[in-house]
PDB file of all heavy atoms in Angstrom:
ATOM      1  N   PHE A   1      -8.237  -8.269  -7.197  1.00  0.00           N
ATOM      2  CA  PHE A   1      -8.091  -9.419  -8.085  1.00  0.00           C
ATOM      3  C   PHE A   1      -7.245 -10.541  -7.485  1.00  0.00           C
ATOM      4  O   PHE A   1      -6.780 -11.430  -8.212  1.00  0.00           O
ATOM      5  CB  PHE A   1      -7.522  -8.956  -9.426  1.00  0.00           C
ATOM      6  CG  PHE A   1      -8.386  -7.911 -10.082  1.00  0.00           C
ATOM      7  CD1 PHE A   1      -7.901  -6.641 -10.362  1.00  0.00           C
ATOM      8  CD2 PHE A   1      -9.717  -8.178 -10.373  1.00  0.00           C
ATOM      9  CE1 PHE A   1      -8.706  -5.671 -10.934  1.00  0.00           C
ATOM     10  CE2 PHE A   1     -10.537  -7.217 -10.946  1.00  0.00           C
ATOM     11  CZ  PHE A   1     -10.033  -5.964 -11.227  1.00  0.00           C
ATOM     12  N   GLY A   2      -7.062 -10.537  -6.170  1.00  0.00           N
ATOM     13  CA  GLY A   2      -6.507 -11.690  -5.481  1.00  0.00           C
ATOM     14  C   GLY A   2      -4.993 -11.783  -5.400  1.00  0.00           C
ATOM     15  O   GLY A   2      -4.471 -12.833  -5.032  1.00  0.00           O
ATOM     16  N   PHE A   3      -4.278 -10.713  -5.715  1.00  0.00           N
ATOM     17  CA  PHE A   3      -2.823 -10.716  -5.606  1.00  0.00           C
ATOM     18  C   PHE A   3      -2.423 -10.195  -4.221  1.00  0.00           C
ATOM     19  O   PHE A   3      -3.089  -9.320  -3.671  1.00  0.00           O
ATOM     20  CB  PHE A   3      -2.194  -9.851  -6.695  1.00  0.00           C
ATOM     21  CG  PHE A   3      -2.421 -10.391  -8.083  1.00  0.00           C
ATOM     22  CD1 PHE A   3      -3.607 -10.131  -8.765  1.00  0.00           C
ATOM     23  CD2 PHE A   3      -1.460 -11.176  -8.699  1.00  0.00           C
ATOM     24  CE1 PHE A   3      -3.826 -10.637 -10.030  1.00  0.00           C
ATOM     25  CE2 PHE A   3      -1.672 -11.689  -9.968  1.00  0.00           C
ATOM     26  CZ  PHE A   3      -2.852 -11.424 -10.637  1.00  0.00           C
ATOM     27  N   GLU A   4      -1.331 -10.714  -3.677  1.00  0.00           N
ATOM     28  CA  GLU A   4      -0.995 -10.398  -2.288  1.00  0.00           C
ATOM     29  C   GLU A   4       0.405  -9.830  -2.077  1.00  0.00           C
ATOM     30  O   GLU A   4       0.621  -9.063  -1.150  1.00  0.00           O
ATOM     31  CB  GLU A   4      -1.141 -11.666  -1.426  1.00  0.00           C
ATOM     32  CG  GLU A   4      -2.557 -12.224  -1.403  1.00  0.00           C
ATOM     33  CD  GLU A   4      -2.651 -13.500  -0.587  1.00  0.00           C
ATOM     34  OE1 GLU A   4      -1.584 -14.044  -0.187  1.00  0.00           O
ATOM     35  OE2 GLU A   4      -3.787 -13.964  -0.354  1.00  0.00           O
ATOM     36  N   ASP A   5       1.359 -10.217  -2.918  1.00  0.00           N
ATOM     37  CA  ASP A   5       2.768  -9.921  -2.661  1.00  0.00           C
ATOM     38  C   ASP A   5       3.199  -8.666  -3.418  1.00  0.00           C
ATOM     39  O   ASP A   5       3.389  -8.708  -4.638  1.00  0.00           O
ATOM     40  CB  ASP A   5       3.614 -11.132  -3.075  1.00  0.00           C
ATOM     41  CG  ASP A   5       5.059 -11.024  -2.628  1.00  0.00           C
ATOM     42  OD1 ASP A   5       5.382 -10.087  -1.861  1.00  0.00           O
ATOM     43  OD2 ASP A   5       5.869 -11.870  -3.046  1.00  0.00           O
ATOM     44  N   LEU A   6       3.371  -7.555  -2.714  1.00  0.00           N
ATOM     45  CA  LEU A   6       3.758  -6.286  -3.316  1.00  0.00           C
ATOM     46  C   LEU A   6       5.235  -6.016  -3.038  1.00  0.00           C
ATOM     47  O   LEU A   6       5.674  -5.997  -1.882  1.00  0.00           O
ATOM     48  CB  LEU A   6       2.898  -5.147  -2.758  1.00  0.00           C
ATOM     49  CG  LEU A   6       3.229  -3.724  -3.222  1.00  0.00           C
ATOM     50  CD1 LEU A   6       3.104  -3.607  -4.744  1.00  0.00           C
ATOM     51  CD2 LEU A   6       2.309  -2.714  -2.529  1.00  0.00           C
ATOM     52  N   LEU A   7       6.002  -5.812  -4.104  1.00  0.00           N
ATOM     53  CA  LEU A   7       7.437  -5.529  -4.016  1.00  0.00           C
ATOM     54  C   LEU A   7       7.681  -4.095  -4.481  1.00  0.00           C
ATOM     55  O   LEU A   7       7.172  -3.701  -5.539  1.00  0.00           O
ATOM     56  CB  LEU A   7       8.233  -6.505  -4.903  1.00  0.00           C
ATOM     57  CG  LEU A   7       7.944  -7.990  -4.718  1.00  0.00           C
ATOM     58  CD1 LEU A   7       8.709  -8.807  -5.754  1.00  0.00           C
ATOM     59  CD2 LEU A   7       8.294  -8.439  -3.313  1.00  0.00           C
ATOM     60  N   LEU A   8       8.460  -3.344  -3.731  1.00  0.00           N
ATOM     61  CA  LEU A   8       8.690  -1.935  -4.046  1.00  0.00           C
ATOM     62  C   LEU A   8      10.178  -1.670  -4.208  1.00  0.00           C
ATOM     63  O   LEU A   8      10.977  -1.946  -3.311  1.00  0.00           O
ATOM     64  CB  LEU A   8       8.116  -1.044  -2.938  1.00  0.00           C
ATOM     65  CG  LEU A   8       6.608  -1.185  -2.669  1.00  0.00           C
ATOM     66  CD1 LEU A   8       6.203  -0.352  -1.466  1.00  0.00           C
ATOM     67  CD2 LEU A   8       5.797  -0.803  -3.903  1.00  0.00           C
ATOM     68  N   VAL A   9      10.532  -1.124  -5.382  1.00  0.00           N
ATOM     69  CA  VAL A   9      11.908  -0.738  -5.662  1.00  0.00           C
ATOM     70  C   VAL A   9      11.986   0.786  -5.614  1.00  0.00           C
ATOM     71  O   VAL A   9      11.287   1.464  -6.367  1.00  0.00           O
ATOM     72  CB  VAL A   9      12.360  -1.253  -7.042  1.00  0.00           C
ATOM     73  CG1 VAL A   9      13.772  -0.772  -7.365  1.00  0.00           C
ATOM     74  CG2 VAL A   9      12.284  -2.775  -7.104  1.00  0.00           C
ATOM     75  N   ASP A  10      12.799   1.316  -4.730  1.00  0.00           N
ATOM     76  CA  ASP A  10      12.950   2.769  -4.565  1.00  0.00           C
ATOM     77  C   ASP A  10      11.601   3.476  -4.444  1.00  0.00           C
ATOM     78  O   ASP A  10      11.288   4.395  -5.222  1.00  0.00           O
ATOM     79  CB  ASP A  10      13.735   3.370  -5.742  1.00  0.00           C
ATOM     80  CG  ASP A  10      15.150   2.826  -5.831  1.00  0.00           C
ATOM     81  OD1 ASP A  10      15.746   2.565  -4.768  1.00  0.00           O
ATOM     82  OD2 ASP A  10      15.658   2.669  -6.957  1.00  0.00           O
ATOM     83  N   PRO A  11      10.789   3.096  -3.485  1.00  0.00           N
ATOM     84  CA  PRO A  11       9.453   3.690  -3.385  1.00  0.00           C
ATOM     85  C   PRO A  11       9.490   5.069  -2.730  1.00  0.00           C
ATOM     86  O   PRO A  11      10.450   5.416  -2.021  1.00  0.00           O
ATOM     87  CB  PRO A  11       8.716   2.699  -2.477  1.00  0.00           C
ATOM     88  CG  PRO A  11       9.793   2.171  -1.577  1.00  0.00           C
ATOM     89  CD  PRO A  11      11.023   2.075  -2.442  1.00  0.00           C
ATOM     90  N   PRO A  12       8.433   5.858  -2.968  1.00  0.00           N
ATOM     91  CA  PRO A  12       8.292   7.103  -2.201  1.00  0.00           C
ATOM     92  C   PRO A  12       7.913   6.753  -0.764  1.00  0.00           C
ATOM     93  O   PRO A  12       7.592   5.603  -0.447  1.00  0.00           O
ATOM     94  CB  PRO A  12       7.153   7.821  -2.916  1.00  0.00           C
ATOM     95  CG  PRO A  12       6.319   6.711  -3.487  1.00  0.00           C
ATOM     96  CD  PRO A  12       7.296   5.629  -3.874  1.00  0.00           C
ATOM     97  N   GLU A  13       7.943   7.731   0.096  1.00  0.00           N
ATOM     98  CA  GLU A  13       7.540   7.492   1.488  1.00  0.00           C
ATOM     99  C   GLU A  13       6.043   7.175   1.534  1.00  0.00           C
ATOM    100  O   GLU A  13       5.227   7.889   0.947  1.00  0.00           O
ATOM    101  CB  GLU A  13       7.849   8.710   2.350  1.00  0.00           C
ATOM    102  CG  GLU A  13       7.504   8.512   3.819  1.00  0.00           C
ATOM    103  CD  GLU A  13       7.846   9.712   4.670  1.00  0.00           C
ATOM    104  OE1 GLU A  13       8.453  10.659   4.139  1.00  0.00           O
ATOM    105  OE2 GLU A  13       7.491   9.708   5.878  1.00  0.00           O
ATOM    106  N   LEU A  14       5.712   6.106   2.228  1.00  0.00           N
ATOM    107  CA  LEU A  14       4.316   5.686   2.317  1.00  0.00           C
ATOM    108  C   LEU A  14       3.802   5.978   3.728  1.00  0.00           C
ATOM    109  O   LEU A  14       3.856   5.133   4.618  1.00  0.00           O
ATOM    110  CB  LEU A  14       4.187   4.201   1.978  1.00  0.00           C
ATOM    111  CG  LEU A  14       4.727   3.786   0.605  1.00  0.00           C
ATOM    112  CD1 LEU A  14       4.527   2.293   0.377  1.00  0.00           C
ATOM    113  CD2 LEU A  14       4.083   4.594  -0.515  1.00  0.00           C
ATOM    114  N   ASP A  15       3.313   7.176   3.913  1.00  0.00           N
ATOM    115  CA  ASP A  15       2.803   7.627   5.204  1.00  0.00           C
ATOM    116  C   ASP A  15       1.438   6.976   5.454  1.00  0.00           C
ATOM    117  O   ASP A  15       0.541   7.074   4.620  1.00  0.00           O
ATOM    118  CB  ASP A  15       2.676   9.149   5.180  1.00  0.00           C
ATOM    119  CG  ASP A  15       2.208   9.732   6.513  1.00  0.00           C
ATOM    120  OD1 ASP A  15       1.810   8.959   7.409  1.00  0.00           O
ATOM    121  OD2 ASP A  15       2.237  10.970   6.636  1.00  0.00           O
ATOM    122  N   PRO A  16       1.254   6.295   6.591  1.00  0.00           N
ATOM    123  CA  PRO A  16      -0.055   5.694   6.896  1.00  0.00           C
ATOM    124  C   PRO A  16      -1.201   6.692   6.875  1.00  0.00           C
ATOM    125  O   PRO A  16      -2.367   6.295   6.729  1.00  0.00           O
ATOM    126  CB  PRO A  16       0.140   5.099   8.290  1.00  0.00           C
ATOM    127  CG  PRO A  16       1.608   4.836   8.370  1.00  0.00           C
ATOM    128  CD  PRO A  16       2.261   5.959   7.604  1.00  0.00           C
ATOM    129  N   ASP A  17      -0.898   7.969   7.006  1.00  0.00           N
ATOM    130  CA  ASP A  17      -1.944   8.996   6.955  1.00  0.00           C
ATOM    131  C   ASP A  17      -1.964   9.720   5.610  1.00  0.00           C
ATOM    132  O   ASP A  17      -2.664  10.727   5.458  1.00  0.00           O
ATOM    133  CB  ASP A  17      -1.730  10.021   8.077  1.00  0.00           C
ATOM    134  CG  ASP A  17      -1.877   9.402   9.459  1.00  0.00           C
ATOM    135  OD1 ASP A  17      -2.793   8.573   9.639  1.00  0.00           O
ATOM    136  OD2 ASP A  17      -1.068   9.737  10.343  1.00  0.00           O
ATOM    137  N   GLY A  18      -1.213   9.213   4.648  1.00  0.00           N
ATOM    138  CA  GLY A  18      -1.087   9.917   3.376  1.00  0.00           C
ATOM    139  C   GLY A  18      -1.848   9.270   2.235  1.00  0.00           C
ATOM    140  O   GLY A  18      -2.731   8.427   2.418  1.00  0.00           O
ATOM    141  N   GLU A  19      -1.455   9.663   0.992  1.00  0.00           N
ATOM    142  CA  GLU A  19      -2.170   9.261  -0.216  1.00  0.00           C
ATOM    143  C   GLU A  19      -2.199   7.750  -0.428  1.00  0.00           C
ATOM    144  O   GLU A  19      -3.213   7.190  -0.826  1.00  0.00           O
ATOM    145  CB  GLU A  19      -1.514   9.901  -1.447  1.00  0.00           C
ATOM    146  CG  GLU A  19      -2.051  11.257  -1.819  1.00  0.00           C
ATOM    147  CD  GLU A  19      -1.520  11.700  -3.175  1.00  0.00           C
ATOM    148  OE1 GLU A  19      -0.664  10.989  -3.761  1.00  0.00           O
ATOM    149  OE2 GLU A  19      -1.969  12.744  -3.652  1.00  0.00           O
ATOM    150  N   ALA A  20      -1.062   7.098  -0.222  1.00  0.00           N
ATOM    151  CA  ALA A  20      -0.989   5.665  -0.523  1.00  0.00           C
ATOM    152  C   ALA A  20      -2.054   4.894   0.237  1.00  0.00           C
ATOM    153  O   ALA A  20      -2.801   4.101  -0.343  1.00  0.00           O
ATOM    154  CB  ALA A  20       0.402   5.119  -0.188  1.00  0.00           C
ATOM    155  N   TYR A  21      -2.136   5.127   1.529  1.00  0.00           N
ATOM    156  CA  TYR A  21      -3.118   4.412   2.336  1.00  0.00           C
ATOM    157  C   TYR A  21      -4.532   4.914   2.039  1.00  0.00           C
ATOM    158  O   TYR A  21      -5.501   4.155   2.129  1.00  0.00           O
ATOM    159  CB  TYR A  21      -2.782   4.553   3.819  1.00  0.00           C
ATOM    160  CG  TYR A  21      -1.699   3.592   4.256  1.00  0.00           C
ATOM    161  CD1 TYR A  21      -0.360   3.849   3.958  1.00  0.00           C
ATOM    162  CD2 TYR A  21      -1.999   2.425   4.934  1.00  0.00           C
ATOM    163  CE1 TYR A  21       0.645   2.967   4.331  1.00  0.00           C
ATOM    164  CE2 TYR A  21      -1.006   1.528   5.316  1.00  0.00           C
ATOM    165  CZ  TYR A  21       0.315   1.811   5.011  1.00  0.00           C
ATOM    166  OH  TYR A  21       1.300   0.922   5.375  1.00  0.00           O
ATOM    167  N   GLY A  22      -4.659   6.188   1.667  1.00  0.00           N
ATOM    168  CA  GLY A  22      -5.971   6.714   1.318  1.00  0.00           C
ATOM    169  C   GLY A  22      -6.523   6.093   0.052  1.00  0.00           C
ATOM    170  O   GLY A  22      -7.729   5.871  -0.067  1.00  0.00           O
ATOM    171  N   TYR A  23      -5.657   5.807  -0.924  1.00  0.00           N
ATOM    172  CA  TYR A  23      -6.093   5.234  -2.197  1.00  0.00           C
ATOM    173  C   TYR A  23      -6.211   3.709  -2.152  1.00  0.00           C
ATOM    174  O   TYR A  23      -6.784   3.111  -3.063  1.00  0.00           O
ATOM    175  CB  TYR A  23      -5.105   5.594  -3.306  1.00  0.00           C
ATOM    176  CG  TYR A  23      -5.139   7.029  -3.765  1.00  0.00           C
ATOM    177  CD1 TYR A  23      -5.810   8.008  -3.045  1.00  0.00           C
ATOM    178  CD2 TYR A  23      -4.486   7.415  -4.923  1.00  0.00           C
ATOM    179  CE1 TYR A  23      -5.833   9.330  -3.461  1.00  0.00           C
ATOM    180  CE2 TYR A  23      -4.502   8.740  -5.361  1.00  0.00           C
ATOM    181  CZ  TYR A  23      -5.173   9.689  -4.617  1.00  0.00           C
ATOM    182  OH  TYR A  23      -5.198  10.991  -5.040  1.00  0.00           O
ATOM    183  N   ALA A  24      -5.675   3.092  -1.130  1.00  0.00           N
ATOM    184  CA  ALA A  24      -5.542   1.638  -1.128  1.00  0.00           C
ATOM    185  C   ALA A  24      -6.817   0.900  -0.757  1.00  0.00           C
ATOM    186  O   ALA A  24      -6.901  -0.318  -0.958  1.00  0.00           O
ATOM    187  CB  ALA A  24      -4.410   1.218  -0.188  1.00  0.00           C
ATOM    188  N   GLY A  25      -7.822   1.585  -0.218  1.00  0.00           N
ATOM    189  CA  GLY A  25      -9.022   0.888   0.207  1.00  0.00           C
ATOM    190  C   GLY A  25      -8.691  -0.150   1.268  1.00  0.00           C
ATOM    191  O   GLY A  25      -7.876   0.076   2.157  1.00  0.00           O
ATOM    192  N   HIS A  26      -9.296  -1.351   1.159  1.00  0.00           N
ATOM    193  CA  HIS A  26      -9.039  -2.396   2.145  1.00  0.00           C
ATOM    194  C   HIS A  26      -7.628  -2.961   2.060  1.00  0.00           C
ATOM    195  O   HIS A  26      -7.181  -3.657   2.977  1.00  0.00           O
ATOM    196  CB  HIS A  26     -10.056  -3.524   1.976  1.00  0.00           C
ATOM    197  CG  HIS A  26     -11.424  -3.147   2.479  1.00  0.00           C
ATOM    198  ND1 HIS A  26     -12.463  -4.039   2.531  1.00  0.00           N
ATOM    199  CD2 HIS A  26     -11.906  -1.975   2.943  1.00  0.00           C
ATOM    200  CE1 HIS A  26     -13.543  -3.431   3.010  1.00  0.00           C
ATOM    201  NE2 HIS A  26     -13.223  -2.172   3.257  1.00  0.00           N
ATOM    202  N   ALA A  27      -6.906  -2.649   0.969  1.00  0.00           N
ATOM    203  CA  ALA A  27      -5.518  -3.110   0.861  1.00  0.00           C
ATOM    204  C   ALA A  27      -4.620  -2.414   1.884  1.00  0.00           C
ATOM    205  O   ALA A  27      -3.493  -2.849   2.100  1.00  0.00           O
ATOM    206  CB  ALA A  27      -4.990  -2.871  -0.546  1.00  0.00           C
ATOM    207  N   ARG A  28      -5.123  -1.362   2.509  1.00  0.00           N
ATOM    208  CA  ARG A  28      -4.342  -0.697   3.554  1.00  0.00           C
ATOM    209  C   ARG A  28      -4.179  -1.580   4.784  1.00  0.00           C
ATOM    210  O   ARG A  28      -3.304  -1.341   5.614  1.00  0.00           O
ATOM    211  CB  ARG A  28      -5.009   0.618   3.967  1.00  0.00           C
ATOM    212  CG  ARG A  28      -6.305   0.440   4.763  1.00  0.00           C
ATOM    213  CD  ARG A  28      -6.803   1.753   5.377  1.00  0.00           C
ATOM    214  NE  ARG A  28      -7.245   2.659   4.350  1.00  0.00           N
ATOM    215  CZ  ARG A  28      -8.491   2.712   3.886  1.00  0.00           C
ATOM    216  NH1 ARG A  28      -9.399   1.851   4.352  1.00  0.00           N
ATOM    217  NH2 ARG A  28      -8.833   3.575   2.974  1.00  0.00           N
ATOM    218  N   GLU A  29      -5.029  -2.625   4.876  1.00  0.00           N
ATOM    219  CA  GLU A  29      -4.991  -3.483   6.059  1.00  0.00           C
ATOM    220  C   GLU A  29      -3.952  -4.588   5.958  1.00  0.00           C
ATOM    221  O   GLU A  29      -3.524  -5.129   6.979  1.00  0.00           O
ATOM    222  CB  GLU A  29      -6.378  -4.103   6.278  1.00  0.00           C
ATOM    223  CG  GLU A  29      -7.470  -3.066   6.501  1.00  0.00           C
ATOM    224  CD  GLU A  29      -8.866  -3.675   6.438  1.00  0.00           C
ATOM    225  OE1 GLU A  29      -8.961  -4.921   6.250  1.00  0.00           O
ATOM    226  OE2 GLU A  29      -9.841  -2.929   6.550  1.00  0.00           O
ATOM    227  N   ASP A  30      -3.557  -4.970   4.729  1.00  0.00           N
ATOM    228  CA  ASP A  30      -2.617  -6.088   4.609  1.00  0.00           C
ATOM    229  C   ASP A  30      -1.590  -5.897   3.504  1.00  0.00           C
ATOM    230  O   ASP A  30      -0.390  -5.879   3.771  1.00  0.00           O
ATOM    231  CB  ASP A  30      -3.375  -7.413   4.403  1.00  0.00           C
ATOM    232  CG  ASP A  30      -4.500  -7.308   3.381  1.00  0.00           C
ATOM    233  OD1 ASP A  30      -4.472  -6.388   2.542  1.00  0.00           O
ATOM    234  OD2 ASP A  30      -5.409  -8.165   3.408  1.00  0.00           O
ATOM    235  N   ILE A  31      -2.021  -5.698   2.272  1.00  0.00           N
ATOM    236  CA  ILE A  31      -1.075  -5.651   1.161  1.00  0.00           C
ATOM    237  C   ILE A  31      -0.082  -4.510   1.306  1.00  0.00           C
ATOM    238  O   ILE A  31       1.137  -4.695   1.183  1.00  0.00           O
ATOM    239  CB  ILE A  31      -1.831  -5.550  -0.179  1.00  0.00           C
ATOM    240  CG1 ILE A  31      -2.606  -6.841  -0.436  1.00  0.00           C
ATOM    241  CG2 ILE A  31      -0.866  -5.277  -1.332  1.00  0.00           C
ATOM    242  CD1 ILE A  31      -3.500  -6.805  -1.632  1.00  0.00           C
ATOM    243  N   LEU A  32      -0.560  -3.316   1.596  1.00  0.00           N
ATOM    244  CA  LEU A  32       0.326  -2.158   1.677  1.00  0.00           C
ATOM    245  C   LEU A  32       1.282  -2.234   2.875  1.00  0.00           C
ATOM    246  O   LEU A  32       2.498  -2.083   2.696  1.00  0.00           O
ATOM    247  CB  LEU A  32      -0.512  -0.877   1.705  1.00  0.00           C
ATOM    248  CG  LEU A  32       0.162   0.388   1.196  1.00  0.00           C
ATOM    249  CD1 LEU A  32       0.818   0.172  -0.155  1.00  0.00           C
ATOM    250  CD2 LEU A  32      -0.864   1.514   1.112  1.00  0.00           C
ATOM    251  N   PRO A  33       0.798  -2.490   4.095  1.00  0.00           N
ATOM    252  CA  PRO A  33       1.749  -2.571   5.212  1.00  0.00           C
ATOM    253  C   PRO A  33       2.695  -3.761   5.127  1.00  0.00           C
ATOM    254  O   PRO A  33       3.773  -3.744   5.733  1.00  0.00           O
ATOM    255  CB  PRO A  33       0.842  -2.674   6.443  1.00  0.00           C
ATOM    256  CG  PRO A  33      -0.463  -3.153   5.945  1.00  0.00           C
ATOM    257  CD  PRO A  33      -0.596  -2.590   4.558  1.00  0.00           C
TER     258      PRO A  33
END
C-alpha cells in the first residue's frame, strides 16, 4: 500500500534467513532491511 518508513521499538531478532524475511515478500528487498 505504498508505505516505506518502518520504525521498530524493541524488535525481535530479524534474521535474513528467518520468518521476518520469509513473510515480507518483496519488502525484504527494501522496507525490512
